[in-house]
């Protein structure tokens, strides 16, 4: 997975913001969202992102899997990523 070329990323005090330069809309990611997106952009699959999330934060695997799936689906629906 990778971000579209016209999606900008900015770090914030509480995570990151993804800006869709075509529409002007943005997504704010909390620290766990940032961890998931970074893992996926570095080539990890969803299973590896789940493992990274459960390792770094106090979250059980089922909840982490649900959160990763929801985030990936949202990014795809918003058209922010390509595969």
PDB file of N, CA and C in Angstrom:
ATOM      1  N   UNK A   1       0.841  -1.175   0.000  1.00  0.00           N
ATOM      2  CA  UNK A   1       0.000   0.000   0.000  1.00  0.00           C
ATOM      3  C   UNK A   1       0.885   1.237   0.000  1.00  0.00           C
ATOM      4  N   UNK A   2       0.430   2.253  -0.707  1.00  0.00           N
ATOM      5  CA  UNK A   2       1.139   3.537  -0.678  1.00  0.00           C
ATOM      6  C   UNK A   2       0.131   4.661  -0.808  1.00  0.00           C
ATOM      7  N   UNK A   3       0.529   5.832  -0.336  1.00  0.00           N
ATOM      8  CA  UNK A   3      -0.336   7.007  -0.466  1.00  0.00           C
ATOM      9  C   UNK A   3      -0.314   7.488  -1.907  1.00  0.00           C
ATOM     10  N   UNK A   4      -1.427   8.014  -2.365  1.00  0.00           N
ATOM     11  CA  UNK A   4      -1.453   8.635  -3.698  1.00  0.00           C
ATOM     12  C   UNK A   4      -0.453   9.783  -3.718  1.00  0.00           C
ATOM     13  N   UNK A   5       0.034  10.114  -4.878  1.00  0.00           N
ATOM     14  CA  UNK A   5       1.039  11.171  -5.024  1.00  0.00           C
ATOM     15  C   UNK A   5       0.519  12.525  -4.557  1.00  0.00           C
ATOM     16  N   UNK A   6      -0.785  12.751  -4.631  1.00  0.00           N
ATOM     17  CA  UNK A   6      -1.350  14.045  -4.237  1.00  0.00           C
ATOM     18  C   UNK A   6      -1.935  14.029  -2.824  1.00  0.00           C
ATOM     19  N   UNK A   7      -1.385  13.173  -1.973  1.00  0.00           N
ATOM     20  CA  UNK A   7      -1.743  13.149  -0.553  1.00  0.00           C
ATOM     21  C   UNK A   7      -0.514  13.588   0.230  1.00  0.00           C
ATOM     22  N   UNK A   8      -0.670  14.658   0.998  1.00  0.00           N
ATOM     23  CA  UNK A   8       0.420  15.179   1.822  1.00  0.00           C
ATOM     24  C   UNK A   8       0.267  14.685   3.248  1.00  0.00           C
ATOM     25  N   UNK A   9       1.398  14.539   3.927  1.00  0.00           N
ATOM     26  CA  UNK A   9       1.412  14.087   5.317  1.00  0.00           C
ATOM     27  C   UNK A   9       2.083  15.162   6.159  1.00  0.00           C
ATOM     28  N   UNK A  10       1.457  15.488   7.285  1.00  0.00           N
ATOM     29  CA  UNK A  10       2.042  16.448   8.219  1.00  0.00           C
ATOM     30  C   UNK A  10       1.941  15.883   9.625  1.00  0.00           C
ATOM     31  N   UNK A  11       3.058  15.923  10.346  1.00  0.00           N
ATOM     32  CA  UNK A  11       3.042  15.507  11.738  1.00  0.00           C
ATOM     33  C   UNK A  11       2.379  16.592  12.582  1.00  0.00           C
ATOM     34  N   UNK A  12       1.655  16.151  13.604  1.00  0.00           N
ATOM     35  CA  UNK A  12       1.018  17.070  14.544  1.00  0.00           C
ATOM     36  C   UNK A  12       1.445  16.685  15.955  1.00  0.00           C
ATOM     37  N   UNK A  13       0.998  17.456  16.931  1.00  0.00           N
ATOM     38  CA  UNK A  13       1.314  17.135  18.324  1.00  0.00           C
ATOM     39  C   UNK A  13       0.674  15.827  18.762  1.00  0.00           C
ATOM     40  N   UNK A  14      -0.377  15.419  18.076  1.00  0.00           N
ATOM     41  CA  UNK A  14      -1.095  14.224  18.500  1.00  0.00           C
ATOM     42  C   UNK A  14      -1.112  13.113  17.455  1.00  0.00           C
ATOM     43  N   UNK A  15      -0.326  13.195  16.423  1.00  0.00           N
ATOM     44  CA  UNK A  15      -0.312  12.150  15.406  1.00  0.00           C
ATOM     45  C   UNK A  15       0.103  12.694  14.061  1.00  0.00           C
ATOM     46  N   UNK A  16      -0.758  12.499  13.071  1.00  0.00           N
ATOM     47  CA  UNK A  16      -0.490  12.996  11.720  1.00  0.00           C
ATOM     48  C   UNK A  16      -1.801  13.422  11.066  1.00  0.00           C
ATOM     49  N   UNK A  17      -1.642  14.232  10.034  1.00  0.00           N
ATOM     50  CA  UNK A  17      -2.765  14.617   9.189  1.00  0.00           C
ATOM     51  C   UNK A  17      -2.420  14.218   7.768  1.00  0.00           C
ATOM     52  N   UNK A  18      -3.374  13.554   7.098  1.00  0.00           N
ATOM     53  CA  UNK A  18      -3.247  13.229   5.684  1.00  0.00           C
ATOM     54  C   UNK A  18      -4.146  14.191   4.928  1.00  0.00           C
ATOM     55  N   UNK A  19      -3.584  14.974   4.014  1.00  0.00           N
ATOM     56  CA  UNK A  19      -4.349  15.954   3.241  1.00  0.00           C
ATOM     57  C   UNK A  19      -4.498  15.478   1.810  1.00  0.00           C
ATOM     58  N   UNK A  20      -5.740  15.348   1.371  1.00  0.00           N
ATOM     59  CA  UNK A  20      -6.042  15.031  -0.025  1.00  0.00           C
ATOM     60  C   UNK A  20      -6.048  16.352  -0.776  1.00  0.00           C
ATOM     61  N   UNK A  21      -4.979  16.606  -1.522  1.00  0.00           N
ATOM     62  CA  UNK A  21      -4.820  17.886  -2.199  1.00  0.00           C
ATOM     63  C   UNK A  21      -5.836  18.096  -3.313  1.00  0.00           C
ATOM     64  N   UNK A  22      -6.443  17.012  -3.811  1.00  0.00           N
ATOM     65  CA  UNK A  22      -7.463  17.159  -4.859  1.00  0.00           C
ATOM     66  C   UNK A  22      -8.747  17.741  -4.298  1.00  0.00           C
ATOM     67  N   UNK A  23      -9.154  17.243  -3.144  1.00  0.00           N
ATOM     68  CA  UNK A  23     -10.444  17.658  -2.585  1.00  0.00           C
ATOM     69  C   UNK A  23     -10.321  18.687  -1.471  1.00  0.00           C
ATOM     70  N   UNK A  24      -9.133  18.804  -0.886  1.00  0.00           N
ATOM     71  CA  UNK A  24      -8.952  19.698   0.252  1.00  0.00           C
ATOM     72  C   UNK A  24      -9.378  19.064   1.577  1.00  0.00           C
ATOM     73  N   UNK A  25      -9.810  17.820   1.532  1.00  0.00           N
ATOM     74  CA  UNK A  25     -10.228  17.132   2.751  1.00  0.00           C
ATOM     75  C   UNK A  25      -9.007  16.519   3.438  1.00  0.00           C
ATOM     76  N   UNK A  26      -9.105  16.396   4.753  1.00  0.00           N
ATOM     77  CA  UNK A  26      -7.997  15.787   5.478  1.00  0.00           C
ATOM     78  C   UNK A  26      -8.494  14.776   6.491  1.00  0.00           C
ATOM     79  N   UNK A  27      -7.577  13.879   6.846  1.00  0.00           N
ATOM     80  CA  UNK A  27      -7.806  12.848   7.847  1.00  0.00           C
ATOM     81  C   UNK A  27      -6.807  13.065   8.957  1.00  0.00           C
ATOM     82  N   UNK A  28      -7.265  13.016  10.184  1.00  0.00           N
ATOM     83  CA  UNK A  28      -6.357  13.101  11.317  1.00  0.00           C
ATOM     84  C   UNK A  28      -6.158  11.706  11.888  1.00  0.00           C
ATOM     85  N   UNK A  29      -4.913  11.310  12.045  1.00  0.00           N
ATOM     86  CA  UNK A  29      -4.574  10.000  12.593  1.00  0.00           C
ATOM     87  C   UNK A  29      -4.026  10.169  14.007  1.00  0.00           C
ATOM     88  N   UNK A  30      -4.550   9.383  14.938  1.00  0.00           N
ATOM     89  CA  UNK A  30      -3.983   9.376  16.285  1.00  0.00           C
ATOM     90  C   UNK A  30      -2.710   8.538  16.265  1.00  0.00           C
ATOM     91  N   UNK A  31      -1.976   8.467  17.375  1.00  0.00           N
ATOM     92  CA  UNK A  31      -0.710   7.726  17.361  1.00  0.00           C
ATOM     93  C   UNK A  31      -0.840   6.263  16.929  1.00  0.00           C
ATOM     94  N   UNK A  32      -1.909   5.585  17.288  1.00  0.00           N
ATOM     95  CA  UNK A  32      -2.054   4.197  16.843  1.00  0.00           C
ATOM     96  C   UNK A  32      -2.326   4.134  15.349  1.00  0.00           C
ATOM     97  N   UNK A  33      -3.093   5.074  14.836  1.00  0.00           N
ATOM     98  CA  UNK A  33      -3.330   5.137  13.396  1.00  0.00           C
ATOM     99  C   UNK A  33      -2.044   5.396  12.634  1.00  0.00           C
ATOM    100  N   UNK A  34      -1.211   6.265  13.177  1.00  0.00           N
ATOM    101  CA  UNK A  34       0.090   6.544  12.560  1.00  0.00           C
ATOM    102  C   UNK A  34       0.935   5.272  12.517  1.00  0.00           C
ATOM    103  N   UNK A  35       0.950   4.515  13.615  1.00  0.00           N
ATOM    104  CA  UNK A  35       1.737   3.280  13.659  1.00  0.00           C
ATOM    105  C   UNK A  35       1.274   2.293  12.602  1.00  0.00           C
ATOM    106  N   UNK A  36      -0.034   2.172  12.443  1.00  0.00           N
ATOM    107  CA  UNK A  36      -0.589   1.248  11.450  1.00  0.00           C
ATOM    108  C   UNK A  36      -0.240   1.711  10.038  1.00  0.00           C
ATOM    109  N   UNK A  37      -0.478   2.972   9.741  1.00  0.00           N
ATOM    110  CA  UNK A  37      -0.204   3.493   8.394  1.00  0.00           C
ATOM    111  C   UNK A  37       1.280   3.383   8.069  1.00  0.00           C
ATOM    112  N   UNK A  38       2.140   3.714   9.012  1.00  0.00           N
ATOM    113  CA  UNK A  38       3.584   3.600   8.763  1.00  0.00           C
ATOM    114  C   UNK A  38       3.968   2.163   8.439  1.00  0.00           C
ATOM    115  N   UNK A  39       3.453   1.226   9.224  1.00  0.00           N
ATOM    116  CA  UNK A  39       3.771  -0.180   8.980  1.00  0.00           C
ATOM    117  C   UNK A  39       3.329  -0.595   7.586  1.00  0.00           C
ATOM    118  N   UNK A  40       2.124  -0.219   7.208  1.00  0.00           N
ATOM    119  CA  UNK A  40       1.596  -0.600   5.897  1.00  0.00           C
ATOM    120  C   UNK A  40       2.378   0.061   4.763  1.00  0.00           C
ATOM    121  N   UNK A  41       2.749   1.324   4.945  1.00  0.00           N
ATOM    122  CA  UNK A  41       3.506   2.026   3.905  1.00  0.00           C
ATOM    123  C   UNK A  41       4.927   1.468   3.766  1.00  0.00           C
ATOM    124  N   UNK A  42       5.423   0.849   4.843  1.00  0.00           N
ATOM    125  CA  UNK A  42       6.760   0.237   4.794  1.00  0.00           C
ATOM    126  C   UNK A  42       6.713  -1.184   4.252  1.00  0.00           C
ATOM    127  N   UNK A  43       5.526  -1.625   3.811  1.00  0.00           N
ATOM    128  CA  UNK A  43       5.422  -2.921   3.162  1.00  0.00           C
ATOM    129  C   UNK A  43       4.794  -4.019   3.996  1.00  0.00           C
ATOM    130  N   UNK A  44       4.437  -3.717   5.229  1.00  0.00           N
ATOM    131  CA  UNK A  44       3.799  -4.740   6.058  1.00  0.00           C
ATOM    132  C   UNK A  44       2.396  -5.030   5.535  1.00  0.00           C
ATOM    133  N   UNK A  45       1.939  -6.264   5.750  1.00  0.00           N
ATOM    134  CA  UNK A  45       0.550  -6.562   5.432  1.00  0.00           C
ATOM    135  C   UNK A  45      -0.301  -6.275   6.671  1.00  0.00           C
ATOM    136  N   UNK A  46      -1.611  -6.468   6.551  1.00  0.00           N
ATOM    137  CA  UNK A  46      -2.500  -6.151   7.667  1.00  0.00           C
ATOM    138  C   UNK A  46      -2.191  -7.004   8.892  1.00  0.00           C
ATOM    139  N   UNK A  47      -1.815  -8.265   8.709  1.00  0.00           N
ATOM    140  CA  UNK A  47      -1.476  -9.123   9.844  1.00  0.00           C
ATOM    141  C   UNK A  47      -0.264  -8.585  10.604  1.00  0.00           C
ATOM    142  N   UNK A  48       0.730  -8.122   9.883  1.00  0.00           N
ATOM    143  CA  UNK A  48       1.919  -7.559  10.526  1.00  0.00           C
ATOM    144  C   UNK A  48       1.585  -6.249  11.229  1.00  0.00           C
ATOM    145  N   UNK A  49       0.691  -5.458  10.655  1.00  0.00           N
ATOM    146  CA  UNK A  49       0.271  -4.213  11.297  1.00  0.00           C
ATOM    147  C   UNK A  49      -0.479  -4.513  12.594  1.00  0.00           C
ATOM    148  N   UNK A  50      -1.292  -5.555  12.589  1.00  0.00           N
ATOM    149  CA  UNK A  50      -1.995  -5.980  13.804  1.00  0.00           C
ATOM    150  C   UNK A  50      -0.979  -6.384  14.866  1.00  0.00           C
ATOM    151  N   UNK A  51       0.004  -7.167  14.479  1.00  0.00           N
ATOM    152  CA  UNK A  51       1.034  -7.608  15.425  1.00  0.00           C
ATOM    153  C   UNK A  51       1.799  -6.422  15.999  1.00  0.00           C
ATOM    154  N   UNK A  52       2.142  -5.452  15.166  1.00  0.00           N
ATOM    155  CA  UNK A  52       2.854  -4.261  15.633  1.00  0.00           C
ATOM    156  C   UNK A  52       1.997  -3.468  16.615  1.00  0.00           C
ATOM    157  N   UNK A  53       0.721  -3.384  16.334  1.00  0.00           N
ATOM    158  CA  UNK A  53      -0.186  -2.648  17.203  1.00  0.00           C
ATOM    159  C   UNK A  53      -0.329  -3.318  18.563  1.00  0.00           C
ATOM    160  N   UNK A  54      -0.473  -4.632  18.577  1.00  0.00           N
ATOM    161  CA  UNK A  54      -0.617  -5.334  19.850  1.00  0.00           C
ATOM    162  C   UNK A  54       0.687  -5.320  20.648  1.00  0.00           C
ATOM    163  N   UNK A  55       1.816  -5.248  19.959  1.00  0.00           N
ATOM    164  CA  UNK A  55       3.109  -5.187  20.635  1.00  0.00           C
ATOM    165  C   UNK A  55       3.329  -3.818  21.279  1.00  0.00           C
ATOM    166  N   UNK A  56       2.970  -2.751  20.569  1.00  0.00           N
ATOM    167  CA  UNK A  56       3.266  -1.391  21.025  1.00  0.00           C
ATOM    168  C   UNK A  56       2.220  -0.822  21.986  1.00  0.00           C
ATOM    169  N   UNK A  57       0.995  -1.329  21.938  1.00  0.00           N
ATOM    170  CA  UNK A  57      -0.087  -0.768  22.744  1.00  0.00           C
ATOM    171  C   UNK A  57      -0.826  -1.876  23.480  1.00  0.00           C
ATOM    172  N   UNK A  58      -1.480  -1.526  24.538  1.00  0.00           N
ATOM    173  CA  UNK A  58      -2.271  -2.493  25.296  1.00  0.00           C
ATOM    174  C   UNK A  58      -3.615  -2.695  24.606  1.00  0.00           C
ATOM    175  N   UNK A  59      -3.616  -3.537  23.605  1.00  0.00           N
ATOM    176  CA  UNK A  59      -4.835  -3.833  22.859  1.00  0.00           C
ATOM    177  C   UNK A  59      -4.795  -5.312  22.478  1.00  0.00           C
ATOM    178  N   UNK A  60      -5.943  -5.976  22.603  1.00  0.00           N
ATOM    179  CA  UNK A  60      -5.953  -7.393  22.243  1.00  0.00           C
ATOM    180  C   UNK A  60      -6.013  -7.546  20.727  1.00  0.00           C
ATOM    181  N   UNK A  61      -5.671  -8.729  20.273  1.00  0.00           N
ATOM    182  CA  UNK A  61      -5.550  -8.972  18.835  1.00  0.00           C
ATOM    183  C   UNK A  61      -6.857  -8.745  18.083  1.00  0.00           C
ATOM    184  N   UNK A  62      -7.974  -9.173  18.655  1.00  0.00           N
ATOM    185  CA  UNK A  62      -9.263  -9.012  17.970  1.00  0.00           C
ATOM    186  C   UNK A  62      -9.587  -7.540  17.763  1.00  0.00           C
ATOM    187  N   UNK A  63      -9.364  -6.733  18.774  1.00  0.00           N
ATOM    188  CA  UNK A  63      -9.634  -5.294  18.652  1.00  0.00           C
ATOM    189  C   UNK A  63      -8.664  -4.650  17.673  1.00  0.00           C
ATOM    190  N   UNK A  64      -7.393  -5.028  17.741  1.00  0.00           N
ATOM    191  CA  UNK A  64      -6.396  -4.478  16.818  1.00  0.00           C
ATOM    192  C   UNK A  64      -6.749  -4.826  15.376  1.00  0.00           C
ATOM    193  N   UNK A  65      -7.167  -6.064  15.145  1.00  0.00           N
ATOM    194  CA  UNK A  65      -7.540  -6.493  13.789  1.00  0.00           C
ATOM    195  C   UNK A  65      -8.733  -5.684  13.279  1.00  0.00           C
ATOM    196  N   UNK A  66      -9.704  -5.471  14.143  1.00  0.00           N
ATOM    197  CA  UNK A  66     -10.879  -4.676  13.770  1.00  0.00           C
ATOM    198  C   UNK A  66     -10.478  -3.238  13.438  1.00  0.00           C
ATOM    199  N   UNK A  67      -9.612  -2.665  14.260  1.00  0.00           N
ATOM    200  CA  UNK A  67      -9.176  -1.286  14.030  1.00  0.00           C
ATOM    201  C   UNK A  67      -8.346  -1.148  12.752  1.00  0.00           C
ATOM    202  N   UNK A  68      -7.438  -2.081  12.518  1.00  0.00           N
ATOM    203  CA  UNK A  68      -6.619  -2.040  11.304  1.00  0.00           C
ATOM    204  C   UNK A  68      -7.505  -2.182  10.067  1.00  0.00           C
ATOM    205  N   UNK A  69      -8.418  -3.117  10.090  1.00  0.00           N
ATOM    206  CA  UNK A  69      -9.328  -3.318   8.947  1.00  0.00           C
ATOM    207  C   UNK A  69     -10.162  -2.078   8.679  1.00  0.00           C
ATOM    208  N   UNK A  70     -10.674  -1.465   9.743  1.00  0.00           N
ATOM    209  CA  UNK A  70     -11.498  -0.258   9.582  1.00  0.00           C
ATOM    210  C   UNK A  70     -10.671   0.895   9.020  1.00  0.00           C
ATOM    211  N   UNK A  71      -9.446   1.053   9.505  1.00  0.00           N
ATOM    212  CA  UNK A  71      -8.589   2.133   9.012  1.00  0.00           C
ATOM    213  C   UNK A  71      -8.242   1.930   7.544  1.00  0.00           C
ATOM    214  N   UNK A  72      -7.851   0.725   7.183  1.00  0.00           N
ATOM    215  CA  UNK A  72      -7.505   0.430   5.786  1.00  0.00           C
ATOM    216  C   UNK A  72      -8.717   0.644   4.885  1.00  0.00           C
ATOM    217  N   UNK A  73      -9.862   0.178   5.302  1.00  0.00           N
ATOM    218  CA  UNK A  73     -11.089   0.373   4.507  1.00  0.00           C
ATOM    219  C   UNK A  73     -11.397   1.855   4.348  1.00  0.00           C
ATOM    220  N   UNK A  74     -11.235   2.617   5.409  1.00  0.00           N
ATOM    221  CA  UNK A  74     -11.485   4.058   5.328  1.00  0.00           C
ATOM    222  C   UNK A  74     -10.528   4.769   4.398  1.00  0.00           C
ATOM    223  N   UNK A  75      -9.258   4.403   4.451  1.00  0.00           N
ATOM    224  CA  UNK A  75      -8.267   5.008   3.558  1.00  0.00           C
ATOM    225  C   UNK A  75      -8.573   4.677   2.100  1.00  0.00           C
ATOM    226  N   UNK A  76      -8.980   3.438   1.860  1.00  0.00           N
ATOM    227  CA  UNK A  76      -9.320   3.042   0.487  1.00  0.00           C
ATOM    228  C   UNK A  76     -10.582   3.753   0.010  1.00  0.00           C
ATOM    229  N   UNK A  77     -11.596   3.795   0.852  1.00  0.00           N
ATOM    230  CA  UNK A  77     -12.846   4.456   0.484  1.00  0.00           C
ATOM    231  C   UNK A  77     -12.626   5.939   0.194  1.00  0.00           C
ATOM    232  N   UNK A  78     -11.766   6.569   0.968  1.00  0.00           N
ATOM    233  CA  UNK A  78     -11.459   7.987   0.763  1.00  0.00           C
ATOM    234  C   UNK A  78     -10.558   8.208  -0.454  1.00  0.00           C
ATOM    235  N   UNK A  79     -10.015   7.128  -1.017  1.00  0.00           N
ATOM    236  CA  UNK A  79      -9.157   7.241  -2.183  1.00  0.00           C
ATOM    237  C   UNK A  79      -7.786   7.806  -1.863  1.00  0.00           C
ATOM    238  N   UNK A  80      -7.322   7.627  -0.630  1.00  0.00           N
ATOM    239  CA  UNK A  80      -6.030   8.173  -0.234  1.00  0.00           C
ATOM    240  C   UNK A  80      -4.864   7.257  -0.548  1.00  0.00           C
ATOM    241  N   UNK A  81      -5.149   5.969  -0.784  1.00  0.00           N
ATOM    242  CA  UNK A  81      -4.083   5.001  -1.002  1.00  0.00           C
ATOM    243  C   UNK A  81      -4.282   4.238  -2.299  1.00  0.00           C
ATOM    244  N   UNK A  82      -3.181   3.675  -2.762  1.00  0.00           N
ATOM    245  CA  UNK A  82      -3.193   2.772  -3.894  1.00  0.00           C
ATOM    246  C   UNK A  82      -2.474   1.501  -3.464  1.00  0.00           C
ATOM    247  N   UNK A  83      -2.661   0.431  -4.206  1.00  0.00           N
ATOM    248  CA  UNK A  83      -1.989  -0.808  -3.836  1.00  0.00           C
ATOM    249  C   UNK A  83      -0.908  -1.142  -4.832  1.00  0.00           C
TER     250      UNK A  83
END
